[in-house]
Amino acid sequence: MGAKQFAVYILASRSRTLYVGVTGDLLRRVWQHRQKLVDGFTARFRVHRLVWYELTPNAAAAIRREKEIKAWRRSKKVGLIEATNPTWEDLAAAWFETADPSLRSG
């Protein structure tokens, strides 16, 4: 069994409002955001489309990277997303069996 990995991730709304987070279970955390089980910003602004993520070997590295990205200007965050996901596709769309059209990119 491999070592546990942590993820730094960026979620976006349809209007491209961004949220940067960190988790030890990316699949579970994205599902929680989609189900609005995470109170606050992401639920209020419908920020649930996974547009970028990066795996790290441990929690400390993930937290450092999250803080680094959160300190960036929006334009730099957009550049990070568009370097690997220029069309802002929902990278987690295939992870869930829901046919909810609000979860599709667009």
N, C-alpha and C. Protein backbone atom coordinates (compact mmCIF):
# COMPACT_ATOMS: atom_id res chain seq x y z
N MET A 1 0.85 -1.19 0.00
CA MET A 1 0.00 0.00 0.00
C MET A 1 0.89 1.24 0.00
N GLY A 2 0.59 2.21 -0.86
CA GLY A 2 1.40 3.41 -0.99
C GLY A 2 1.17 4.39 0.14
N ALA A 3 2.07 5.34 0.23
CA ALA A 3 1.95 6.38 1.24
C ALA A 3 0.78 7.30 0.91
N LYS A 4 0.17 7.82 1.93
CA LYS A 4 -0.96 8.74 1.75
C LYS A 4 -0.47 10.02 1.08
N GLN A 5 -1.22 10.48 0.10
CA GLN A 5 -0.91 11.73 -0.57
C GLN A 5 -1.95 12.77 -0.20
N PHE A 6 -1.53 14.00 -0.23
CA PHE A 6 -2.42 15.13 0.03
C PHE A 6 -2.54 15.94 -1.24
N ALA A 7 -3.63 16.66 -1.37
CA ALA A 7 -3.87 17.44 -2.59
C ALA A 7 -4.14 18.89 -2.24
N VAL A 8 -3.58 19.75 -3.06
CA VAL A 8 -3.94 21.16 -3.08
C VAL A 8 -4.82 21.28 -4.32
N TYR A 9 -5.94 21.98 -4.20
CA TYR A 9 -6.86 22.02 -5.33
C TYR A 9 -7.47 23.40 -5.49
N ILE A 10 -7.93 23.64 -6.73
CA ILE A 10 -8.67 24.87 -7.02
C ILE A 10 -10.01 24.47 -7.59
N LEU A 11 -11.06 25.00 -6.98
CA LEU A 11 -12.42 24.85 -7.48
C LEU A 11 -12.84 26.16 -8.12
N ALA A 12 -13.75 26.07 -9.07
CA ALA A 12 -14.28 27.27 -9.72
C ALA A 12 -15.78 27.14 -9.89
N SER A 13 -16.44 28.29 -9.90
CA SER A 13 -17.86 28.33 -10.24
C SER A 13 -17.97 28.52 -11.74
N ARG A 14 -19.17 28.51 -12.26
CA ARG A 14 -19.37 28.77 -13.69
C ARG A 14 -18.88 30.17 -14.06
N SER A 15 -18.99 31.11 -13.13
CA SER A 15 -18.53 32.47 -13.40
C SER A 15 -17.05 32.65 -13.05
N ARG A 16 -16.39 31.56 -12.75
CA ARG A 16 -14.95 31.50 -12.48
C ARG A 16 -14.52 32.16 -11.17
N THR A 17 -15.40 32.12 -10.19
CA THR A 17 -15.00 32.45 -8.83
C THR A 17 -14.13 31.30 -8.36
N LEU A 18 -13.01 31.60 -7.71
CA LEU A 18 -12.05 30.56 -7.34
C LEU A 18 -12.01 30.30 -5.85
N TYR A 19 -11.68 29.04 -5.52
CA TYR A 19 -11.46 28.62 -4.13
C TYR A 19 -10.25 27.71 -4.12
N VAL A 20 -9.31 27.95 -3.24
CA VAL A 20 -8.12 27.11 -3.09
C VAL A 20 -8.24 26.35 -1.78
N GLY A 21 -8.03 25.03 -1.83
CA GLY A 21 -8.13 24.22 -0.63
C GLY A 21 -7.07 23.14 -0.59
N VAL A 22 -7.07 22.42 0.52
CA VAL A 22 -6.14 21.31 0.72
C VAL A 22 -6.91 20.17 1.39
N THR A 23 -6.55 18.94 1.04
CA THR A 23 -7.25 17.79 1.61
C THR A 23 -6.38 16.53 1.55
N GLY A 24 -6.70 15.60 2.38
CA GLY A 24 -6.07 14.29 2.35
C GLY A 24 -6.87 13.29 1.54
N ASP A 25 -8.04 13.69 1.05
CA ASP A 25 -8.91 12.81 0.27
C ASP A 25 -9.65 13.66 -0.75
N LEU A 26 -9.06 13.86 -1.91
CA LEU A 26 -9.59 14.77 -2.92
C LEU A 26 -10.97 14.35 -3.40
N LEU A 27 -11.18 13.10 -3.69
CA LEU A 27 -12.48 12.61 -4.16
C LEU A 27 -13.57 12.95 -3.15
N ARG A 28 -13.34 12.62 -1.89
CA ARG A 28 -14.32 12.88 -0.84
C ARG A 28 -14.58 14.38 -0.69
N ARG A 29 -13.52 15.17 -0.71
CA ARG A 29 -13.67 16.61 -0.50
C ARG A 29 -14.43 17.28 -1.64
N VAL A 30 -14.13 16.89 -2.88
CA VAL A 30 -14.87 17.46 -4.01
C VAL A 30 -16.34 17.07 -3.91
N TRP A 31 -16.62 15.83 -3.55
CA TRP A 31 -18.01 15.38 -3.38
C TRP A 31 -18.70 16.22 -2.31
N GLN A 32 -18.01 16.49 -1.20
CA GLN A 32 -18.59 17.31 -0.14
C GLN A 32 -18.94 18.71 -0.65
N HIS A 33 -18.04 19.30 -1.42
CA HIS A 33 -18.32 20.62 -2.00
C HIS A 33 -19.53 20.56 -2.92
N ARG A 34 -19.61 19.53 -3.75
CA ARG A 34 -20.72 19.41 -4.69
C ARG A 34 -22.06 19.22 -3.99
N GLN A 35 -22.04 18.55 -2.86
CA GLN A 35 -23.27 18.31 -2.10
C GLN A 35 -23.59 19.46 -1.14
N LYS A 36 -22.75 20.50 -1.17
CA LYS A 36 -22.89 21.67 -0.29
C LYS A 36 -22.84 21.28 1.19
N LEU A 37 -22.02 20.27 1.49
CA LEU A 37 -21.82 19.84 2.88
C LEU A 37 -20.78 20.70 3.57
N VAL A 38 -20.07 21.51 2.79
CA VAL A 38 -19.07 22.43 3.31
C VAL A 38 -19.74 23.81 3.36
N ASP A 39 -20.14 24.23 4.56
CA ASP A 39 -20.80 25.52 4.70
C ASP A 39 -19.85 26.65 4.34
N GLY A 40 -20.42 27.74 3.92
CA GLY A 40 -19.62 28.93 3.67
C GLY A 40 -19.48 29.28 2.21
N PHE A 41 -18.29 29.75 1.88
CA PHE A 41 -18.00 30.34 0.57
C PHE A 41 -18.38 29.45 -0.60
N THR A 42 -17.92 28.20 -0.60
CA THR A 42 -18.14 27.35 -1.78
C THR A 42 -19.62 27.03 -1.97
N ALA A 43 -20.34 26.83 -0.90
CA ALA A 43 -21.77 26.56 -1.02
C ALA A 43 -22.52 27.83 -1.45
N ARG A 44 -22.17 28.95 -0.85
CA ARG A 44 -22.87 30.21 -1.14
C ARG A 44 -22.68 30.65 -2.59
N PHE A 45 -21.47 30.46 -3.13
CA PHE A 45 -21.17 30.93 -4.49
C PHE A 45 -21.14 29.81 -5.53
N ARG A 46 -21.60 28.61 -5.15
CA ARG A 46 -21.67 27.45 -6.05
C ARG A 46 -20.32 27.16 -6.71
N VAL A 47 -19.30 27.11 -5.88
CA VAL A 47 -17.94 26.83 -6.34
C VAL A 47 -17.68 25.35 -6.10
N HIS A 48 -17.83 24.54 -7.15
CA HIS A 48 -17.69 23.09 -6.95
C HIS A 48 -17.06 22.35 -8.13
N ARG A 49 -16.58 23.07 -9.12
CA ARG A 49 -15.95 22.43 -10.29
C ARG A 49 -14.44 22.37 -10.08
N LEU A 50 -13.88 21.18 -10.07
CA LEU A 50 -12.44 21.01 -9.88
C LEU A 50 -11.73 21.38 -11.18
N VAL A 51 -10.93 22.45 -11.14
CA VAL A 51 -10.25 22.90 -12.36
C VAL A 51 -8.74 22.70 -12.31
N TRP A 52 -8.21 22.43 -11.11
CA TRP A 52 -6.77 22.20 -10.98
C TRP A 52 -6.51 21.48 -9.66
N TYR A 53 -5.51 20.59 -9.67
CA TYR A 53 -5.05 20.01 -8.40
C TYR A 53 -3.62 19.55 -8.56
N GLU A 54 -2.97 19.42 -7.41
CA GLU A 54 -1.58 18.99 -7.36
C GLU A 54 -1.43 18.08 -6.15
N LEU A 55 -0.83 16.93 -6.33
CA LEU A 55 -0.61 16.00 -5.22
C LEU A 55 0.73 16.29 -4.56
N THR A 56 0.76 16.15 -3.25
CA THR A 56 1.98 16.36 -2.47
C THR A 56 2.21 15.13 -1.60
N PRO A 57 3.45 14.91 -1.16
CA PRO A 57 3.74 13.70 -0.38
C PRO A 57 3.28 13.74 1.07
N ASN A 58 3.01 14.93 1.60
CA ASN A 58 2.61 15.01 3.01
C ASN A 58 1.79 16.27 3.27
N ALA A 59 1.17 16.30 4.43
CA ALA A 59 0.28 17.41 4.79
C ALA A 59 1.03 18.73 4.86
N ALA A 60 2.23 18.73 5.41
CA ALA A 60 2.99 19.98 5.55
C ALA A 60 3.27 20.61 4.19
N ALA A 61 3.67 19.79 3.22
CA ALA A 61 3.94 20.30 1.87
C ALA A 61 2.66 20.84 1.23
N ALA A 62 1.54 20.16 1.45
CA ALA A 62 0.26 20.61 0.88
C ALA A 62 -0.15 21.95 1.48
N ILE A 63 -0.01 22.09 2.78
CA ILE A 63 -0.39 23.34 3.44
C ILE A 63 0.50 24.49 2.99
N ARG A 64 1.80 24.23 2.85
CA ARG A 64 2.72 25.27 2.34
C ARG A 64 2.31 25.72 0.95
N ARG A 65 2.00 24.75 0.08
CA ARG A 65 1.63 25.07 -1.30
C ARG A 65 0.29 25.82 -1.34
N GLU A 66 -0.65 25.40 -0.52
CA GLU A 66 -1.95 26.09 -0.46
C GLU A 66 -1.76 27.55 -0.05
N LYS A 67 -0.97 27.79 0.97
CA LYS A 67 -0.72 29.16 1.42
C LYS A 67 -0.03 29.99 0.34
N GLU A 68 0.91 29.35 -0.36
CA GLU A 68 1.61 30.04 -1.45
C GLU A 68 0.62 30.47 -2.53
N ILE A 69 -0.23 29.56 -2.96
CA ILE A 69 -1.18 29.85 -4.04
C ILE A 69 -2.21 30.88 -3.57
N LYS A 70 -2.69 30.76 -2.34
CA LYS A 70 -3.67 31.72 -1.83
C LYS A 70 -3.12 33.14 -1.81
N ALA A 71 -1.82 33.28 -1.66
CA ALA A 71 -1.20 34.61 -1.61
C ALA A 71 -1.03 35.23 -3.01
N TRP A 72 -1.17 34.43 -4.05
CA TRP A 72 -0.99 34.92 -5.40
C TRP A 72 -2.15 35.83 -5.82
N ARG A 73 -1.86 36.69 -6.79
CA ARG A 73 -2.92 37.46 -7.45
C ARG A 73 -3.77 36.50 -8.27
N ARG A 74 -4.98 36.90 -8.53
CA ARG A 74 -5.90 36.08 -9.32
C ARG A 74 -5.29 35.69 -10.67
N SER A 75 -4.62 36.64 -11.32
CA SER A 75 -4.07 36.37 -12.66
C SER A 75 -3.07 35.21 -12.63
N LYS A 76 -2.31 35.10 -11.57
CA LYS A 76 -1.34 34.00 -11.47
C LYS A 76 -2.07 32.67 -11.24
N LYS A 77 -3.14 32.68 -10.46
CA LYS A 77 -3.94 31.47 -10.24
C LYS A 77 -4.57 31.02 -11.56
N VAL A 78 -5.10 31.97 -12.31
CA VAL A 78 -5.69 31.67 -13.62
C VAL A 78 -4.63 31.06 -14.54
N GLY A 79 -3.43 31.61 -14.52
CA GLY A 79 -2.33 31.07 -15.32
C GLY A 79 -2.00 29.64 -14.94
N LEU A 80 -2.02 29.35 -13.65
CA LEU A 80 -1.76 27.99 -13.17
C LEU A 80 -2.82 27.03 -13.71
N ILE A 81 -4.07 27.43 -13.62
CA ILE A 81 -5.17 26.60 -14.13
C ILE A 81 -5.02 26.39 -15.63
N GLU A 82 -4.85 27.48 -16.36
CA GLU A 82 -4.86 27.40 -17.82
C GLU A 82 -3.62 26.73 -18.41
N ALA A 83 -2.56 26.60 -17.63
CA ALA A 83 -1.37 25.89 -18.11
C ALA A 83 -1.67 24.41 -18.36
N THR A 84 -2.58 23.83 -17.58
CA THR A 84 -2.91 22.42 -17.75
C THR A 84 -4.37 22.19 -18.11
N ASN A 85 -5.21 23.20 -17.95
CA ASN A 85 -6.64 23.06 -18.20
C ASN A 85 -7.17 24.34 -18.86
N PRO A 86 -6.75 24.62 -20.09
CA PRO A 86 -7.08 25.90 -20.74
C PRO A 86 -8.57 26.16 -20.93
N THR A 87 -9.38 25.12 -20.98
CA THR A 87 -10.82 25.31 -21.17
C THR A 87 -11.60 25.23 -19.86
N TRP A 88 -10.90 25.12 -18.75
CA TRP A 88 -11.52 25.08 -17.42
C TRP A 88 -12.51 23.92 -17.29
N GLU A 89 -12.18 22.79 -17.89
CA GLU A 89 -13.04 21.61 -17.76
C GLU A 89 -13.09 21.17 -16.30
N ASP A 90 -14.19 20.57 -15.92
CA ASP A 90 -14.33 20.01 -14.57
C ASP A 90 -13.58 18.68 -14.54
N LEU A 91 -12.43 18.66 -13.88
CA LEU A 91 -11.57 17.48 -13.86
C LEU A 91 -12.18 16.32 -13.09
N ALA A 92 -13.18 16.58 -12.28
CA ALA A 92 -13.81 15.54 -11.48
C ALA A 92 -15.14 15.07 -12.06
N ALA A 93 -15.53 15.58 -13.20
CA ALA A 93 -16.84 15.26 -13.77
C ALA A 93 -17.06 13.75 -13.90
N ALA A 94 -16.04 13.02 -14.30
CA ALA A 94 -16.18 11.58 -14.51
C ALA A 94 -16.10 10.78 -13.21
N TRP A 95 -15.75 11.43 -12.12
CA TRP A 95 -15.59 10.72 -10.84
C TRP A 95 -16.92 10.35 -10.21
N PHE A 96 -17.97 11.04 -10.62
CA PHE A 96 -19.26 10.87 -9.96
C PHE A 96 -20.29 10.39 -10.97
N GLU A 97 -21.21 9.58 -10.53
CA GLU A 97 -22.22 9.02 -11.43
C GLU A 97 -23.44 9.92 -11.57
N THR A 98 -23.43 11.06 -10.92
CA THR A 98 -24.59 11.95 -11.01
C THR A 98 -24.70 12.49 -12.41
N ALA A 99 -25.90 12.64 -12.86
CA ALA A 99 -26.15 13.22 -14.18
C ALA A 99 -26.60 14.66 -14.02
N ASP A 100 -26.38 15.23 -12.86
CA ASP A 100 -26.80 16.59 -12.57
C ASP A 100 -26.12 17.56 -13.53
N PRO A 101 -26.87 18.23 -14.40
CA PRO A 101 -26.26 19.13 -15.38
C PRO A 101 -25.53 20.30 -14.75
N SER A 102 -25.85 20.64 -13.51
CA SER A 102 -25.15 21.77 -12.87
C SER A 102 -23.71 21.41 -12.54
N LEU A 103 -23.37 20.13 -12.60
CA LEU A 103 -22.01 19.70 -12.31
C LEU A 103 -21.14 19.67 -13.56
N ARG A 104 -21.75 19.82 -14.72
CA ARG A 104 -21.00 19.80 -15.96
C ARG A 104 -20.31 21.14 -16.19
N SER A 105 -19.20 21.09 -16.89
CA SER A 105 -18.51 22.35 -17.21
C SER A 105 -19.31 23.10 -18.26
N GLY A 106 -19.07 24.37 -18.33
CA GLY A 106 -19.77 25.13 -19.34
C GLY A 106 -19.68 26.59 -19.15
